[in-house]
Amino acid sequence: MKRIFKIIVGAMVFGGAWAATAHADPITFGGTYTVTTSSGLSAYSNSASYLGSPFTLSPLNVGQSVTDNLFTLSASQKSAGEQSFSVAFDFTKPPPSFGANGSGTAKVNKQPLFFGFYFDYIQNQSIHFVNPLIKLNFGPNNDGELDINLLTDSFIGLQLHTVEARFTLVKDPTAVPEPGSLVLLGTGLLGLCLISRRNRRRA
């Protein structure tokens, strides 16, 4: 009897440990992002040096980060003054899907040239993010955490400003028990019920 009890308890512990470690492997994130700007700005990300959309990030363990170029801003020559931009992330991996938005502003100045012509440019160090740190929850129980830091760098000679994103996996999501784990747990509970019933009959 003691041996049967130990086997049942062992099966239950094994099933619980299996479920708890289901997300110990690196997590791969993937999805799309879209960029919108006001009339005074234009954005492009049409070369291999950008993350691109759709995208797949390098697999991440907890505490690891990866940084990628999202898009480059330039003046569109259509409007000056404070301009706005936003980027919307839509993750489809890992399921279920999740997402968030980031936004910012930039100041576009007019530089006089000659004969009444002007050249519009983004003022250096004028880009500010409304929400530079985006915290996203994900996973079956919505308790995993992926942080996105929005950053910018500038190439002053051409007044080009590249917006980057640093993706950091802060917390693994809680695992949902696999069918095999549930079977083991159910077997263990059923065994305990049968043993209890048998003992009552003997009594």
N, C-alpha and C. Protein backbone atom coordinates (compact mmCIF):
# COMPACT_ATOMS: atom_id res chain seq x y z
N MET A 1 0.82 -1.20 0.00
CA MET A 1 0.00 0.00 0.00
C MET A 1 0.86 1.26 0.00
N LYS A 2 1.90 1.26 0.84
CA LYS A 2 2.79 2.42 0.88
C LYS A 2 3.46 2.65 -0.46
N ARG A 3 3.81 1.55 -1.12
CA ARG A 3 4.48 1.68 -2.41
C ARG A 3 3.55 2.33 -3.44
N ILE A 4 2.27 1.91 -3.45
CA ILE A 4 1.30 2.50 -4.39
C ILE A 4 1.13 3.99 -4.11
N PHE A 5 1.08 4.33 -2.83
CA PHE A 5 0.91 5.74 -2.46
C PHE A 5 2.10 6.57 -2.94
N LYS A 6 3.32 6.05 -2.78
CA LYS A 6 4.51 6.77 -3.24
C LYS A 6 4.50 6.97 -4.75
N ILE A 7 4.04 5.96 -5.48
CA ILE A 7 3.98 6.07 -6.94
C ILE A 7 3.00 7.17 -7.36
N ILE A 8 1.84 7.21 -6.70
CA ILE A 8 0.83 8.21 -7.04
C ILE A 8 1.33 9.60 -6.74
N VAL A 9 1.92 9.78 -5.56
CA VAL A 9 2.45 11.09 -5.19
C VAL A 9 3.56 11.51 -6.13
N GLY A 10 4.42 10.56 -6.52
CA GLY A 10 5.49 10.88 -7.46
C GLY A 10 4.96 11.33 -8.79
N ALA A 11 3.90 10.69 -9.27
CA ALA A 11 3.29 11.11 -10.54
C ALA A 11 2.73 12.51 -10.45
N MET A 12 2.11 12.85 -9.31
CA MET A 12 1.56 14.19 -9.15
C MET A 12 2.66 15.24 -9.11
N VAL A 13 3.74 14.97 -8.40
CA VAL A 13 4.85 15.92 -8.32
C VAL A 13 5.50 16.10 -9.68
N PHE A 14 5.68 15.01 -10.43
CA PHE A 14 6.27 15.08 -11.75
C PHE A 14 5.42 15.93 -12.68
N GLY A 15 4.09 15.73 -12.62
CA GLY A 15 3.20 16.52 -13.47
C GLY A 15 3.27 17.99 -13.15
N GLY A 16 3.32 18.34 -11.86
CA GLY A 16 3.42 19.74 -11.47
C GLY A 16 4.72 20.36 -11.90
N ALA A 17 5.84 19.64 -11.74
CA ALA A 17 7.14 20.17 -12.15
C ALA A 17 7.21 20.36 -13.65
N TRP A 18 6.63 19.46 -14.40
CA TRP A 18 6.61 19.57 -15.86
C TRP A 18 5.87 20.83 -16.29
N ALA A 19 4.72 21.08 -15.67
CA ALA A 19 3.95 22.27 -16.03
C ALA A 19 4.69 23.54 -15.65
N ALA A 20 5.39 23.54 -14.52
CA ALA A 20 6.07 24.74 -14.04
C ALA A 20 7.25 25.12 -14.92
N THR A 21 7.85 24.15 -15.60
CA THR A 21 9.05 24.43 -16.40
C THR A 21 8.75 24.44 -17.89
N ALA A 22 7.47 24.53 -18.26
CA ALA A 22 7.12 24.45 -19.68
C ALA A 22 7.67 25.62 -20.49
N HIS A 23 7.96 26.77 -19.84
CA HIS A 23 8.46 27.94 -20.56
C HIS A 23 9.91 28.23 -20.22
N ALA A 24 10.67 27.18 -19.84
CA ALA A 24 12.07 27.41 -19.50
C ALA A 24 12.91 27.69 -20.74
N ASP A 25 12.46 27.28 -21.92
CA ASP A 25 13.20 27.51 -23.16
C ASP A 25 13.07 28.97 -23.58
N PRO A 26 14.02 29.47 -24.40
CA PRO A 26 13.92 30.85 -24.91
C PRO A 26 12.61 31.07 -25.65
N ILE A 27 12.11 32.30 -25.59
CA ILE A 27 10.83 32.65 -26.23
C ILE A 27 11.11 33.47 -27.49
N THR A 28 10.46 33.11 -28.58
CA THR A 28 10.58 33.84 -29.83
C THR A 28 9.36 34.74 -30.02
N PHE A 29 9.61 36.04 -30.19
CA PHE A 29 8.52 37.00 -30.41
C PHE A 29 8.47 37.38 -31.88
N GLY A 30 7.28 37.54 -32.39
CA GLY A 30 7.12 37.93 -33.79
C GLY A 30 5.80 38.64 -34.01
N GLY A 31 5.74 39.43 -35.07
CA GLY A 31 4.51 40.14 -35.38
C GLY A 31 4.75 41.21 -36.43
N THR A 32 4.04 42.32 -36.30
CA THR A 32 4.15 43.43 -37.24
C THR A 32 4.18 44.75 -36.46
N TYR A 33 4.63 45.80 -37.15
CA TYR A 33 4.50 47.14 -36.59
C TYR A 33 4.22 48.13 -37.72
N THR A 34 3.45 49.16 -37.39
CA THR A 34 3.11 50.18 -38.36
C THR A 34 3.45 51.55 -37.80
N VAL A 35 3.87 52.46 -38.68
CA VAL A 35 4.29 53.81 -38.27
C VAL A 35 3.38 54.83 -38.94
N THR A 36 2.90 55.80 -38.18
CA THR A 36 2.12 56.90 -38.72
C THR A 36 2.77 58.21 -38.29
N THR A 37 2.69 59.23 -39.15
CA THR A 37 3.29 60.53 -38.85
C THR A 37 2.32 61.65 -39.22
N SER A 38 2.54 62.82 -38.63
CA SER A 38 1.80 64.01 -39.05
C SER A 38 2.39 64.51 -40.36
N SER A 39 1.78 65.55 -40.93
CA SER A 39 2.13 65.97 -42.29
C SER A 39 3.56 66.48 -42.44
N GLY A 40 4.18 66.96 -41.37
CA GLY A 40 5.53 67.51 -41.49
C GLY A 40 6.64 66.49 -41.42
N LEU A 41 6.30 65.21 -41.23
CA LEU A 41 7.31 64.15 -41.11
C LEU A 41 7.05 63.05 -42.12
N SER A 42 8.11 62.36 -42.46
CA SER A 42 8.00 61.12 -43.23
C SER A 42 8.88 60.07 -42.57
N ALA A 43 8.49 58.81 -42.73
CA ALA A 43 9.23 57.71 -42.10
C ALA A 43 9.47 56.62 -43.13
N TYR A 44 10.65 56.02 -43.07
CA TYR A 44 10.93 54.90 -43.98
C TYR A 44 11.75 53.84 -43.26
N SER A 45 11.61 52.62 -43.72
CA SER A 45 12.33 51.48 -43.13
C SER A 45 12.48 50.39 -44.19
N ASN A 46 13.01 50.80 -45.32
CA ASN A 46 13.01 49.92 -46.50
C ASN A 46 14.38 49.37 -46.86
N SER A 47 15.19 49.05 -45.86
CA SER A 47 16.48 48.42 -46.15
C SER A 47 16.76 47.34 -45.13
N ALA A 48 17.81 46.57 -45.38
CA ALA A 48 18.13 45.44 -44.51
C ALA A 48 18.58 45.86 -43.12
N SER A 49 18.91 47.13 -42.92
CA SER A 49 19.37 47.58 -41.61
C SER A 49 18.22 47.83 -40.63
N TYR A 50 16.97 47.64 -41.09
CA TYR A 50 15.81 47.84 -40.22
C TYR A 50 15.18 46.50 -39.87
N LEU A 51 14.43 46.52 -38.77
CA LEU A 51 13.77 45.29 -38.31
C LEU A 51 12.81 44.77 -39.37
N GLY A 52 12.03 45.66 -39.97
CA GLY A 52 11.08 45.25 -41.01
C GLY A 52 9.80 44.69 -40.41
N SER A 53 8.77 44.66 -41.24
CA SER A 53 7.46 44.16 -40.82
C SER A 53 6.85 43.34 -41.94
N PRO A 54 6.48 42.08 -41.67
CA PRO A 54 6.51 41.39 -40.38
C PRO A 54 7.93 41.08 -39.92
N PHE A 55 8.07 40.77 -38.63
CA PHE A 55 9.39 40.54 -38.05
C PHE A 55 9.36 39.35 -37.10
N THR A 56 10.55 38.81 -36.87
CA THR A 56 10.75 37.77 -35.85
C THR A 56 12.01 38.12 -35.09
N LEU A 57 11.91 38.30 -33.78
CA LEU A 57 13.06 38.65 -32.96
C LEU A 57 13.89 37.41 -32.66
N SER A 58 15.15 37.63 -32.31
CA SER A 58 15.98 36.54 -31.83
C SER A 58 15.39 35.98 -30.54
N PRO A 59 15.46 34.66 -30.32
CA PRO A 59 14.89 34.07 -29.09
C PRO A 59 15.50 34.72 -27.84
N LEU A 60 14.66 34.96 -26.84
CA LEU A 60 15.09 35.65 -25.63
C LEU A 60 14.84 34.80 -24.39
N ASN A 61 15.82 34.77 -23.49
CA ASN A 61 15.63 34.27 -22.14
C ASN A 61 15.35 35.45 -21.23
N VAL A 62 14.87 35.19 -20.02
CA VAL A 62 14.58 36.25 -19.07
C VAL A 62 15.85 37.05 -18.79
N GLY A 63 15.75 38.38 -18.90
CA GLY A 63 16.88 39.27 -18.67
C GLY A 63 17.64 39.63 -19.93
N GLN A 64 17.38 38.95 -21.03
CA GLN A 64 18.09 39.24 -22.28
C GLN A 64 17.36 40.31 -23.09
N SER A 65 18.14 41.06 -23.90
CA SER A 65 17.59 42.13 -24.74
C SER A 65 18.13 42.02 -26.16
N VAL A 66 17.39 42.60 -27.08
CA VAL A 66 17.84 42.74 -28.46
C VAL A 66 17.36 44.10 -28.96
N THR A 67 18.24 44.82 -29.68
CA THR A 67 17.92 46.15 -30.17
C THR A 67 17.91 46.17 -31.69
N ASP A 68 16.88 46.77 -32.27
CA ASP A 68 16.75 46.84 -33.73
C ASP A 68 16.29 48.24 -34.14
N ASN A 69 16.70 48.66 -35.37
CA ASN A 69 16.20 49.89 -35.96
C ASN A 69 14.77 49.68 -36.44
N LEU A 70 13.88 50.62 -36.08
CA LEU A 70 12.49 50.54 -36.52
C LEU A 70 12.25 51.35 -37.79
N PHE A 71 12.61 52.65 -37.76
CA PHE A 71 12.38 53.52 -38.91
C PHE A 71 13.21 54.78 -38.75
N THR A 72 13.36 55.52 -39.83
CA THR A 72 14.08 56.79 -39.83
C THR A 72 13.12 57.92 -40.17
N LEU A 73 13.19 58.98 -39.38
CA LEU A 73 12.35 60.15 -39.59
C LEU A 73 13.10 61.21 -40.37
N SER A 74 12.39 61.91 -41.24
CA SER A 74 12.94 63.08 -41.93
C SER A 74 11.80 64.07 -42.15
N ALA A 75 12.16 65.34 -42.43
CA ALA A 75 11.14 66.36 -42.70
C ALA A 75 10.56 66.13 -44.09
N SER A 76 9.25 66.26 -44.20
CA SER A 76 8.57 65.99 -45.46
C SER A 76 8.47 67.22 -46.36
N GLN A 77 8.92 68.37 -45.86
CA GLN A 77 8.83 69.64 -46.60
C GLN A 77 7.39 70.11 -46.79
N LYS A 78 6.46 69.61 -45.96
CA LYS A 78 5.06 69.99 -46.10
C LYS A 78 4.57 70.88 -44.96
N SER A 79 5.20 70.76 -43.79
CA SER A 79 4.73 71.52 -42.64
C SER A 79 5.85 71.64 -41.63
N ALA A 80 5.86 72.76 -40.88
CA ALA A 80 6.90 73.00 -39.88
C ALA A 80 6.28 73.08 -38.49
N GLY A 81 7.14 73.24 -37.48
CA GLY A 81 6.68 73.28 -36.10
C GLY A 81 6.70 71.91 -35.47
N GLU A 82 6.02 71.76 -34.34
CA GLU A 82 6.01 70.47 -33.64
C GLU A 82 5.17 69.47 -34.41
N GLN A 83 5.76 68.32 -34.68
CA GLN A 83 5.10 67.24 -35.41
C GLN A 83 5.04 66.00 -34.52
N SER A 84 4.19 65.06 -34.88
CA SER A 84 4.02 63.86 -34.07
C SER A 84 4.20 62.60 -34.92
N PHE A 85 4.50 61.51 -34.24
CA PHE A 85 4.61 60.20 -34.89
C PHE A 85 4.21 59.14 -33.88
N SER A 86 3.86 57.96 -34.37
CA SER A 86 3.50 56.85 -33.49
C SER A 86 3.85 55.53 -34.16
N VAL A 87 4.07 54.52 -33.34
CA VAL A 87 4.36 53.18 -33.84
C VAL A 87 3.48 52.20 -33.06
N ALA A 88 2.80 51.33 -33.79
CA ALA A 88 1.90 50.35 -33.18
C ALA A 88 2.48 48.96 -33.38
N PHE A 89 2.66 48.22 -32.28
CA PHE A 89 3.17 46.85 -32.31
C PHE A 89 2.01 45.88 -32.17
N ASP A 90 2.02 44.85 -33.02
CA ASP A 90 1.02 43.79 -32.94
C ASP A 90 1.76 42.46 -32.97
N PHE A 91 1.88 41.82 -31.80
CA PHE A 91 2.60 40.55 -31.69
C PHE A 91 1.63 39.39 -31.87
N THR A 92 2.04 38.45 -32.72
CA THR A 92 1.27 37.23 -32.92
C THR A 92 1.99 36.00 -32.37
N LYS A 93 3.26 36.16 -32.03
CA LYS A 93 4.04 35.09 -31.40
C LYS A 93 4.69 35.64 -30.15
N PRO A 94 4.60 34.91 -29.02
CA PRO A 94 3.81 33.69 -28.82
C PRO A 94 2.33 34.02 -28.66
N PRO A 95 1.45 33.07 -29.00
CA PRO A 95 0.01 33.31 -28.84
C PRO A 95 -0.38 33.31 -27.36
N PRO A 96 -1.51 33.90 -27.01
CA PRO A 96 -2.42 34.69 -27.86
C PRO A 96 -1.82 36.05 -28.20
N SER A 97 -2.33 36.69 -29.26
CA SER A 97 -1.77 37.94 -29.75
C SER A 97 -1.89 39.05 -28.70
N PHE A 98 -0.96 40.00 -28.76
CA PHE A 98 -0.97 41.15 -27.85
C PHE A 98 -0.26 42.30 -28.54
N GLY A 99 -0.40 43.52 -28.01
CA GLY A 99 0.22 44.67 -28.66
C GLY A 99 0.15 45.92 -27.82
N ALA A 100 0.77 46.99 -28.34
CA ALA A 100 0.79 48.29 -27.65
C ALA A 100 1.26 49.34 -28.63
N ASN A 101 1.07 50.62 -28.25
CA ASN A 101 1.46 51.75 -29.08
C ASN A 101 2.50 52.61 -28.38
N GLY A 102 3.43 53.17 -29.16
CA GLY A 102 4.37 54.16 -28.67
C GLY A 102 4.27 55.41 -29.53
N SER A 103 4.55 56.57 -28.96
CA SER A 103 4.42 57.81 -29.73
C SER A 103 5.45 58.82 -29.29
N GLY A 104 5.59 59.87 -30.10
CA GLY A 104 6.56 60.92 -29.79
C GLY A 104 6.32 62.15 -30.63
N THR A 105 7.17 63.17 -30.40
CA THR A 105 7.08 64.43 -31.14
C THR A 105 8.47 64.82 -31.65
N ALA A 106 8.50 65.64 -32.68
CA ALA A 106 9.74 66.18 -33.23
C ALA A 106 9.46 67.59 -33.73
N LYS A 107 10.48 68.45 -33.66
CA LYS A 107 10.31 69.83 -34.12
C LYS A 107 10.96 70.00 -35.49
N VAL A 108 10.15 70.49 -36.44
CA VAL A 108 10.64 70.73 -37.80
C VAL A 108 10.83 72.24 -37.99
N ASN A 109 12.03 72.63 -38.39
CA ASN A 109 12.36 74.04 -38.63
C ASN A 109 12.45 74.34 -40.12
N LYS A 110 12.27 75.61 -40.49
CA LYS A 110 12.43 76.06 -41.87
C LYS A 110 13.74 76.84 -41.99
N GLN A 111 14.56 76.43 -42.93
CA GLN A 111 15.82 77.12 -43.18
C GLN A 111 15.72 77.90 -44.50
N PRO A 112 15.81 79.24 -44.45
CA PRO A 112 15.75 80.01 -45.71
C PRO A 112 16.93 79.68 -46.62
N LEU A 113 16.65 79.58 -47.91
CA LEU A 113 17.71 79.32 -48.89
C LEU A 113 17.91 80.57 -49.75
N PHE A 114 17.17 80.72 -50.82
CA PHE A 114 17.29 81.89 -51.71
C PHE A 114 16.01 82.02 -52.51
N PHE A 115 15.73 83.22 -52.96
CA PHE A 115 14.57 83.51 -53.79
C PHE A 115 13.26 82.99 -53.16
N GLY A 116 13.16 83.07 -51.82
CA GLY A 116 11.92 82.67 -51.15
C GLY A 116 11.77 81.19 -50.92
N PHE A 117 12.81 80.41 -51.23
CA PHE A 117 12.75 78.97 -51.00
C PHE A 117 13.24 78.65 -49.58
N TYR A 118 12.68 77.56 -49.04
CA TYR A 118 13.05 77.12 -47.70
C TYR A 118 13.40 75.63 -47.73
N PHE A 119 14.19 75.25 -46.74
CA PHE A 119 14.54 73.84 -46.55
C PHE A 119 14.09 73.44 -45.15
N ASP A 120 13.18 72.45 -45.05
CA ASP A 120 12.71 71.98 -43.76
C ASP A 120 13.62 70.88 -43.23
N TYR A 121 13.88 70.91 -41.94
CA TYR A 121 14.72 69.88 -41.31
C TYR A 121 14.26 69.66 -39.87
N ILE A 122 14.56 68.46 -39.34
CA ILE A 122 14.23 68.15 -37.96
C ILE A 122 15.32 68.72 -37.06
N GLN A 123 14.93 69.52 -36.11
CA GLN A 123 15.90 70.11 -35.18
C GLN A 123 16.58 69.02 -34.39
N ASN A 124 17.91 69.11 -34.29
CA ASN A 124 18.66 68.09 -33.57
C ASN A 124 18.24 68.04 -32.10
N GLN A 125 18.13 66.82 -31.58
CA GLN A 125 17.75 66.56 -30.20
C GLN A 125 16.36 67.08 -29.85
N SER A 126 15.50 67.18 -30.84
CA SER A 126 14.14 67.65 -30.57
C SER A 126 13.13 66.51 -30.47
N ILE A 127 13.56 65.27 -30.69
CA ILE A 127 12.64 64.14 -30.63
C ILE A 127 12.43 63.73 -29.16
N HIS A 128 11.17 63.66 -28.78
CA HIS A 128 10.82 63.25 -27.42
C HIS A 128 9.72 62.19 -27.50
N PHE A 129 9.86 61.16 -26.69
CA PHE A 129 8.86 60.09 -26.67
C PHE A 129 7.87 60.33 -25.54
N VAL A 130 6.59 60.16 -25.87
CA VAL A 130 5.54 60.29 -24.87
C VAL A 130 5.62 59.15 -23.87
N ASN A 131 5.87 57.96 -24.36
CA ASN A 131 6.00 56.77 -23.51
C ASN A 131 7.22 55.96 -23.97
N PRO A 132 8.43 56.35 -23.54
CA PRO A 132 9.64 55.68 -24.02
C PRO A 132 9.77 54.24 -23.55
N LEU A 133 9.10 53.88 -22.45
CA LEU A 133 9.13 52.50 -21.96
C LEU A 133 7.73 51.92 -22.04
N ILE A 134 7.58 50.89 -22.88
CA ILE A 134 6.29 50.22 -23.05
C ILE A 134 6.38 48.85 -22.39
N LYS A 135 5.48 48.58 -21.45
CA LYS A 135 5.43 47.29 -20.77
C LYS A 135 4.26 46.49 -21.32
N LEU A 136 4.54 45.33 -21.87
CA LEU A 136 3.50 44.48 -22.45
C LEU A 136 3.40 43.19 -21.66
N ASN A 137 2.18 42.80 -21.31
CA ASN A 137 1.92 41.50 -20.70
C ASN A 137 1.47 40.52 -21.76
N PHE A 138 1.86 39.27 -21.63
CA PHE A 138 1.52 38.27 -22.63
C PHE A 138 1.44 36.91 -21.98
N GLY A 139 1.03 35.92 -22.78
CA GLY A 139 0.93 34.55 -22.30
C GLY A 139 -0.51 34.16 -22.00
N PRO A 140 -0.76 32.87 -21.80
CA PRO A 140 -2.13 32.37 -21.54
C PRO A 140 -2.78 33.03 -20.34
N ASN A 141 -1.98 33.36 -19.32
CA ASN A 141 -2.51 34.00 -18.11
C ASN A 141 -2.19 35.49 -18.06
N ASN A 142 -1.60 36.02 -19.16
CA ASN A 142 -1.29 37.45 -19.27
C ASN A 142 -0.36 37.93 -18.15
N ASP A 143 0.56 37.05 -17.72
CA ASP A 143 1.47 37.43 -16.63
C ASP A 143 2.94 37.42 -17.04
N GLY A 144 3.24 37.17 -18.32
CA GLY A 144 4.60 37.37 -18.81
C GLY A 144 4.80 38.86 -19.10
N GLU A 145 6.06 39.31 -19.16
CA GLU A 145 6.30 40.74 -19.41
C GLU A 145 7.42 40.93 -20.43
N LEU A 146 7.12 41.69 -21.47
CA LEU A 146 8.09 42.12 -22.47
C LEU A 146 8.13 43.65 -22.45
N ASP A 147 9.32 44.21 -22.22
CA ASP A 147 9.49 45.67 -22.21
C ASP A 147 10.07 46.13 -23.54
N ILE A 148 9.56 47.25 -24.06
CA ILE A 148 10.09 47.87 -25.27
C ILE A 148 10.54 49.28 -24.94
N ASN A 149 11.85 49.54 -25.07
CA ASN A 149 12.40 50.88 -24.88
C ASN A 149 12.56 51.54 -26.24
N LEU A 150 11.95 52.71 -26.44
CA LEU A 150 12.11 53.46 -27.67
C LEU A 150 13.27 54.43 -27.52
N LEU A 151 14.19 54.42 -28.50
CA LEU A 151 15.40 55.24 -28.46
C LEU A 151 15.55 55.94 -29.80
N THR A 152 16.41 56.95 -29.85
CA THR A 152 16.68 57.62 -31.12
C THR A 152 18.14 58.03 -31.20
N ASP A 153 18.68 58.00 -32.41
CA ASP A 153 20.01 58.54 -32.66
C ASP A 153 19.92 59.44 -33.90
N SER A 154 20.89 60.28 -34.10
CA SER A 154 20.83 61.26 -35.18
C SER A 154 22.11 61.25 -36.00
N PHE A 155 21.94 61.46 -37.30
CA PHE A 155 23.09 61.71 -38.17
C PHE A 155 22.98 63.17 -38.58
N ILE A 156 23.72 64.04 -37.87
CA ILE A 156 23.50 65.48 -37.97
C ILE A 156 23.69 66.01 -39.38
N GLY A 157 24.63 65.44 -40.12
CA GLY A 157 24.92 65.98 -41.44
C GLY A 157 23.71 65.98 -42.36
N LEU A 158 22.86 64.95 -42.27
CA LEU A 158 21.69 64.85 -43.13
C LEU A 158 20.39 65.07 -42.36
N GLN A 159 20.50 65.35 -41.06
CA GLN A 159 19.32 65.54 -40.22
C GLN A 159 18.38 64.35 -40.29
N LEU A 160 18.94 63.15 -40.27
CA LEU A 160 18.15 61.93 -40.23
C LEU A 160 18.13 61.41 -38.80
N HIS A 161 16.97 61.00 -38.36
CA HIS A 161 16.81 60.53 -36.98
C HIS A 161 16.21 59.13 -37.01
N THR A 162 16.97 58.15 -36.54
CA THR A 162 16.52 56.77 -36.55
C THR A 162 15.93 56.41 -35.19
N VAL A 163 14.74 55.84 -35.20
CA VAL A 163 14.09 55.37 -33.98
C VAL A 163 14.38 53.88 -33.82
N GLU A 164 14.88 53.51 -32.66
CA GLU A 164 15.22 52.13 -32.36
C GLU A 164 14.31 51.60 -31.27
N ALA A 165 14.26 50.28 -31.16
CA ALA A 165 13.51 49.62 -30.09
C ALA A 165 14.40 48.58 -29.44
N ARG A 166 14.48 48.62 -28.11
CA ARG A 166 15.17 47.58 -27.35
C ARG A 166 14.13 46.69 -26.68
N PHE A 167 14.10 45.43 -27.09
CA PHE A 167 13.13 44.46 -26.57
C PHE A 167 13.79 43.67 -25.44
N THR A 168 13.18 43.64 -24.27
CA THR A 168 13.73 42.93 -23.11
C THR A 168 12.67 42.01 -22.52
N LEU A 169 13.02 40.73 -22.40
CA LEU A 169 12.11 39.79 -21.73
C LEU A 169 12.34 39.89 -20.23
N VAL A 170 11.34 40.41 -19.53
CA VAL A 170 11.45 40.64 -18.08
C VAL A 170 10.98 39.43 -17.28
N LYS A 171 9.91 38.78 -17.76
CA LYS A 171 9.33 37.68 -16.99
C LYS A 171 8.71 36.66 -17.92
N ASP A 172 8.97 35.39 -17.65
CA ASP A 172 8.30 34.33 -18.40
C ASP A 172 6.84 34.24 -17.98
N PRO A 173 5.96 33.85 -18.91
CA PRO A 173 4.56 33.64 -18.53
C PRO A 173 4.40 32.35 -17.74
N THR A 174 3.37 32.31 -16.90
CA THR A 174 3.04 31.08 -16.19
C THR A 174 2.54 30.05 -17.19
N ALA A 175 3.05 28.84 -17.06
CA ALA A 175 2.69 27.80 -18.02
C ALA A 175 1.31 27.25 -17.75
N VAL A 176 0.60 26.91 -18.81
CA VAL A 176 -0.65 26.18 -18.71
C VAL A 176 -0.32 24.70 -18.72
N PRO A 177 -0.82 23.90 -17.77
CA PRO A 177 -0.47 22.47 -17.74
C PRO A 177 -0.76 21.78 -19.07
N GLU A 178 0.20 20.98 -19.51
CA GLU A 178 0.02 20.20 -20.73
C GLU A 178 -0.97 19.06 -20.48
N PRO A 179 -1.59 18.52 -21.53
CA PRO A 179 -2.53 17.40 -21.35
C PRO A 179 -1.91 16.23 -20.60
N GLY A 180 -0.62 15.95 -20.86
CA GLY A 180 0.04 14.84 -20.16
C GLY A 180 0.12 15.09 -18.67
N SER A 181 0.37 16.33 -18.28
CA SER A 181 0.42 16.68 -16.86
C SER A 181 -0.94 16.50 -16.21
N LEU A 182 -2.00 16.91 -16.93
CA LEU A 182 -3.34 16.78 -16.39
C LEU A 182 -3.72 15.31 -16.23
N VAL A 183 -3.29 14.47 -17.16
CA VAL A 183 -3.57 13.03 -17.06
C VAL A 183 -2.89 12.45 -15.82
N LEU A 184 -1.62 12.83 -15.61
CA LEU A 184 -0.91 12.33 -14.43
C LEU A 184 -1.57 12.78 -13.14
N LEU A 185 -1.95 14.04 -13.12
CA LEU A 185 -2.61 14.56 -11.93
C LEU A 185 -3.94 13.86 -11.69
N GLY A 186 -4.72 13.67 -12.76
CA GLY A 186 -6.00 12.99 -12.62
C GLY A 186 -5.83 11.56 -12.16
N THR A 187 -4.81 10.86 -12.70
CA THR A 187 -4.53 9.48 -12.28
C THR A 187 -4.20 9.42 -10.80
N GLY A 188 -3.39 10.39 -10.37
CA GLY A 188 -3.01 10.41 -8.95
C GLY A 188 -4.22 10.62 -8.06
N LEU A 189 -5.09 11.57 -8.41
CA LEU A 189 -6.28 11.83 -7.60
C LEU A 189 -7.23 10.63 -7.59
N LEU A 190 -7.38 9.99 -8.76
CA LEU A 190 -8.24 8.82 -8.85
C LEU A 190 -7.71 7.70 -7.97
N GLY A 191 -6.38 7.51 -8.00
CA GLY A 191 -5.77 6.48 -7.15
C GLY A 191 -6.00 6.75 -5.68
N LEU A 192 -5.88 7.98 -5.27
CA LEU A 192 -6.11 8.32 -3.87
C LEU A 192 -7.56 8.03 -3.46
N CYS A 193 -8.51 8.35 -4.35
CA CYS A 193 -9.92 8.07 -4.06
C CYS A 193 -10.17 6.58 -3.90
N LEU A 194 -9.57 5.76 -4.80
CA LEU A 194 -9.76 4.31 -4.73
C LEU A 194 -9.17 3.74 -3.45
N ILE A 195 -8.01 4.22 -3.07
CA ILE A 195 -7.38 3.74 -1.84
C ILE A 195 -8.22 4.10 -0.63
N SER A 196 -8.74 5.35 -0.62
CA SER A 196 -9.57 5.78 0.50
C SER A 196 -10.83 4.94 0.60
N ARG A 197 -11.44 4.65 -0.56
CA ARG A 197 -12.66 3.83 -0.55
C ARG A 197 -12.37 2.43 -0.08
N ARG A 198 -11.25 1.87 -0.47
CA ARG A 198 -10.89 0.51 -0.08
C ARG A 198 -10.64 0.44 1.42
N ASN A 199 -10.01 1.45 1.96
CA ASN A 199 -9.75 1.48 3.40
C ASN A 199 -11.05 1.56 4.20
N ARG A 200 -12.02 2.35 3.68
CA ARG A 200 -13.30 2.48 4.38
C ARG A 200 -14.04 1.13 4.42
N ARG A 201 -13.95 0.40 3.29
CA ARG A 201 -14.62 -0.92 3.26
C ARG A 201 -14.00 -1.89 4.27
N ARG A 202 -12.69 -1.85 4.38
CA ARG A 202 -12.00 -2.73 5.34
C ARG A 202 -12.37 -2.37 6.77
N ALA A 203 -12.57 -1.07 7.00
CA ALA A 203 -12.92 -0.63 8.35
C ALA A 203 -14.35 -1.08 8.70
